[in-house]
Amino acid sequence: MHGFEILEGITEIRPGTYIFMDASQGNSFGSHDLCAATVLATVISKPTEDRVVLDVGAKGLTAQTRSQGLCTTTGLGLIKGYDNVTIHTVFDEHAIIYNRDFSNLVS
């Protein structure tokens, strides 16, 4: 990232996430524009008015959260194009979103 300093004084990074500039890294400087990877998921079920089930889970995303520090994230993943929608729960192959407004927008 030629000439782009994320935070002054950073001398060490975790290349496992930094290489892809995941959402938690983007949170550290307030933008997800440099994220190098995204995951395409499909809505496979809407069992309740506010619950949406996706066809991707912990194996394709993560089961870890970052609740403290510069890389703090909300939920287990972001939904591109929907600023206030996050993944609430993941299983091996499925993710759950609880958001009625989002549920009403997707088929």
C-alpha atoms as a PDB file:
ATOM      1  CA  MET A   1       0.000   0.000   0.000  1.00  0.00           C
ATOM      2  CA  HIS A   2       2.548   2.473  -1.245  1.00  0.00           C
ATOM      3  CA  GLY A   3       2.641   5.622   0.822  1.00  0.00           C
ATOM      4  CA  PHE A   4      -0.475   4.776   2.811  1.00  0.00           C
ATOM      5  CA  GLU A   5       0.017   4.803   6.548  1.00  0.00           C
ATOM      6  CA  ILE A   6      -2.790   3.225   8.526  1.00  0.00           C
ATOM      7  CA  LEU A   7      -1.708   4.348  11.981  1.00  0.00           C
ATOM      8  CA  GLU A   8       1.395   6.180  13.068  1.00  0.00           C
ATOM      9  CA  GLY A   9       3.880   4.006  14.909  1.00  0.00           C
ATOM     10  CA  ILE A  10       2.555   0.598  13.811  1.00  0.00           C
ATOM     11  CA  THR A  11       5.588  -1.669  13.546  1.00  0.00           C
ATOM     12  CA  GLU A  12       3.979  -5.093  13.443  1.00  0.00           C
ATOM     13  CA  ILE A  13       0.940  -6.601  11.768  1.00  0.00           C
ATOM     14  CA  ARG A  14      -0.755  -9.986  11.540  1.00  0.00           C
ATOM     15  CA  PRO A  15      -0.318 -10.885   7.880  1.00  0.00           C
ATOM     16  CA  GLY A  16      -3.182 -13.389   7.996  1.00  0.00           C
ATOM     17  CA  THR A  17      -5.745 -10.588   8.067  1.00  0.00           C
ATOM     18  CA  TYR A  18      -3.678  -7.665   6.854  1.00  0.00           C
ATOM     19  CA  ILE A  19      -3.026  -9.238   3.478  1.00  0.00           C
ATOM     20  CA  PHE A  20      -6.760  -9.155   2.742  1.00  0.00           C
ATOM     21  CA  MET A  21      -7.416  -5.917   4.654  1.00  0.00           C
ATOM     22  CA  ASP A  22     -10.468  -7.462   6.296  1.00  0.00           C
ATOM     23  CA  ALA A  23     -13.249  -5.515   7.967  1.00  0.00           C
ATOM     24  CA  SER A  24     -11.489  -5.329  11.312  1.00  0.00           C
ATOM     25  CA  GLN A  25      -8.420  -3.806   9.671  1.00  0.00           C
ATOM     26  CA  GLY A  26     -10.681  -1.368   7.820  1.00  0.00           C
ATOM     27  CA  ASN A  27     -12.295  -0.421  11.116  1.00  0.00           C
ATOM     28  CA  SER A  28      -8.890   0.617  12.445  1.00  0.00           C
ATOM     29  CA  PHE A  29      -8.763   3.529  10.014  1.00  0.00           C
ATOM     30  CA  GLY A  30     -12.454   4.080   9.281  1.00  0.00           C
ATOM     31  CA  SER A  31     -12.871   2.741   5.733  1.00  0.00           C
ATOM     32  CA  HIS A  32     -13.488  -0.609   4.033  1.00  0.00           C
ATOM     33  CA  ASP A  33     -12.532   0.712   0.599  1.00  0.00           C
ATOM     34  CA  LEU A  34      -9.197  -1.138   0.642  1.00  0.00           C
ATOM     35  CA  CYS A  35     -10.568  -4.570   1.538  1.00  0.00           C
ATOM     36  CA  ALA A  36      -9.009  -6.996  -0.946  1.00  0.00           C
ATOM     37  CA  ALA A  37     -11.470  -9.828  -0.472  1.00  0.00           C
ATOM     38  CA  THR A  38     -15.196 -10.206  -0.131  1.00  0.00           C
ATOM     39  CA  VAL A  39     -17.370 -13.295   0.173  1.00  0.00           C
ATOM     40  CA  LEU A  40     -20.402 -13.746  -2.048  1.00  0.00           C
ATOM     41  CA  ALA A  41     -23.297 -15.274  -0.124  1.00  0.00           C
ATOM     42  CA  THR A  42     -26.868 -16.144  -1.004  1.00  0.00           C
ATOM     43  CA  VAL A  43     -29.965 -15.758   1.144  1.00  0.00           C
ATOM     44  CA  ILE A  44     -31.284 -19.305   1.471  1.00  0.00           C
ATOM     45  CA  SER A  45     -34.006 -18.802   4.050  1.00  0.00           C
ATOM     46  CA  LYS A  46     -36.054 -16.187   5.880  1.00  0.00           C
ATOM     47  CA  PRO A  47     -37.694 -18.283   8.617  1.00  0.00           C
ATOM     48  CA  THR A  48     -38.995 -15.297  10.586  1.00  0.00           C
ATOM     49  CA  GLU A  49     -39.739 -11.648   9.848  1.00  0.00           C
ATOM     50  CA  ASP A  50     -36.357 -10.510  11.135  1.00  0.00           C
ATOM     51  CA  ARG A  51     -34.077 -13.537  10.577  1.00  0.00           C
ATOM     52  CA  VAL A  52     -32.134 -14.115   7.365  1.00  0.00           C
ATOM     53  CA  VAL A  53     -30.033 -17.245   6.765  1.00  0.00           C
ATOM     54  CA  LEU A  54     -27.044 -17.124   4.384  1.00  0.00           C
ATOM     55  CA  ASP A  55     -25.230 -20.000   2.687  1.00  0.00           C
ATOM     56  CA  VAL A  56     -21.863 -19.113   4.195  1.00  0.00           C
ATOM     57  CA  GLY A  57     -20.655 -19.633   7.733  1.00  0.00           C
ATOM     58  CA  ALA A  58     -17.575 -19.876   9.911  1.00  0.00           C
ATOM     59  CA  LYS A  59     -15.639 -21.826   7.278  1.00  0.00           C
ATOM     60  CA  GLY A  60     -15.989 -18.997   4.774  1.00  0.00           C
ATOM     61  CA  LEU A  61     -16.057 -16.050   7.176  1.00  0.00           C
ATOM     62  CA  THR A  62     -14.932 -16.247  10.777  1.00  0.00           C
ATOM     63  CA  ALA A  63     -16.195 -17.313  14.169  1.00  0.00           C
ATOM     64  CA  GLN A  64     -14.040 -14.770  15.982  1.00  0.00           C
ATOM     65  CA  THR A  65     -14.975 -11.306  17.121  1.00  0.00           C
ATOM     66  CA  ARG A  66     -12.831  -8.374  18.091  1.00  0.00           C
ATOM     67  CA  SER A  67     -14.496  -6.579  20.959  1.00  0.00           C
ATOM     68  CA  GLN A  68     -11.594  -4.357  22.041  1.00  0.00           C
ATOM     69  CA  GLY A  69      -8.906  -2.201  20.507  1.00  0.00           C
ATOM     70  CA  LEU A  70      -8.407  -0.452  17.178  1.00  0.00           C
ATOM     71  CA  CYS A  71      -9.916  -3.286  15.151  1.00  0.00           C
ATOM     72  CA  THR A  72     -13.149  -3.641  17.133  1.00  0.00           C
ATOM     73  CA  THR A  73     -15.921  -5.063  14.965  1.00  0.00           C
ATOM     74  CA  THR A  74     -19.651  -5.363  15.406  1.00  0.00           C
ATOM     75  CA  GLY A  75     -20.938  -8.840  14.672  1.00  0.00           C
ATOM     76  CA  LEU A  76     -19.142 -11.498  12.642  1.00  0.00           C
ATOM     77  CA  GLY A  77     -19.249  -9.841   9.250  1.00  0.00           C
ATOM     78  CA  LEU A  78     -20.516  -6.866   7.324  1.00  0.00           C
ATOM     79  CA  ILE A  79     -22.973  -6.853   4.458  1.00  0.00           C
ATOM     80  CA  LYS A  80     -21.595  -4.750   1.622  1.00  0.00           C
ATOM     81  CA  GLY A  81     -23.949  -1.932   0.700  1.00  0.00           C
ATOM     82  CA  TYR A  82     -25.914  -2.164   3.961  1.00  0.00           C
ATOM     83  CA  ASP A  83     -24.163  -0.049   6.578  1.00  0.00           C
ATOM     84  CA  ASN A  84     -26.233  -1.110   9.586  1.00  0.00           C
ATOM     85  CA  VAL A  85     -26.472  -4.842   8.846  1.00  0.00           C
ATOM     86  CA  THR A  86     -24.068  -7.316  10.436  1.00  0.00           C
ATOM     87  CA  ILE A  87     -23.872 -11.069  10.799  1.00  0.00           C
ATOM     88  CA  HIS A  88     -25.069 -12.054  14.256  1.00  0.00           C
ATOM     89  CA  THR A  89     -24.267 -15.780  14.450  1.00  0.00           C
ATOM     90  CA  VAL A  90     -22.336 -18.292  12.359  1.00  0.00           C
ATOM     91  CA  PHE A  91     -22.390 -22.060  12.148  1.00  0.00           C
ATOM     92  CA  ASP A  92     -19.998 -24.096  10.009  1.00  0.00           C
ATOM     93  CA  GLU A  93     -21.884 -23.486   6.747  1.00  0.00           C
ATOM     94  CA  HIS A  94     -24.530 -20.858   7.590  1.00  0.00           C
ATOM     95  CA  ALA A  95     -24.715 -17.289   8.876  1.00  0.00           C
ATOM     96  CA  ILE A  96     -27.649 -15.630  10.609  1.00  0.00           C
ATOM     97  CA  ILE A  97     -28.626 -11.977  10.316  1.00  0.00           C
ATOM     98  CA  TYR A  98     -31.274 -10.485  12.599  1.00  0.00           C
ATOM     99  CA  ASN A  99     -32.524  -7.366  10.867  1.00  0.00           C
ATOM    100  CA  ARG A 100     -36.157  -6.855   9.841  1.00  0.00           C
ATOM    101  CA  ASP A 101     -35.440  -3.994   7.431  1.00  0.00           C
ATOM    102  CA  PHE A 102     -32.793  -6.060   5.615  1.00  0.00           C
ATOM    103  CA  SER A 103     -35.085  -9.082   5.547  1.00  0.00           C
ATOM    104  CA  ASN A 104     -37.762  -7.006   3.850  1.00  0.00           C
ATOM    105  CA  LEU A 105     -35.290  -5.903   1.155  1.00  0.00           C
ATOM    106  CA  VAL A 106     -33.951  -9.319   0.138  1.00  0.00           C
ATOM    107  CA  SER A 107     -35.740 -12.209  -1.489  1.00  0.00           C
END
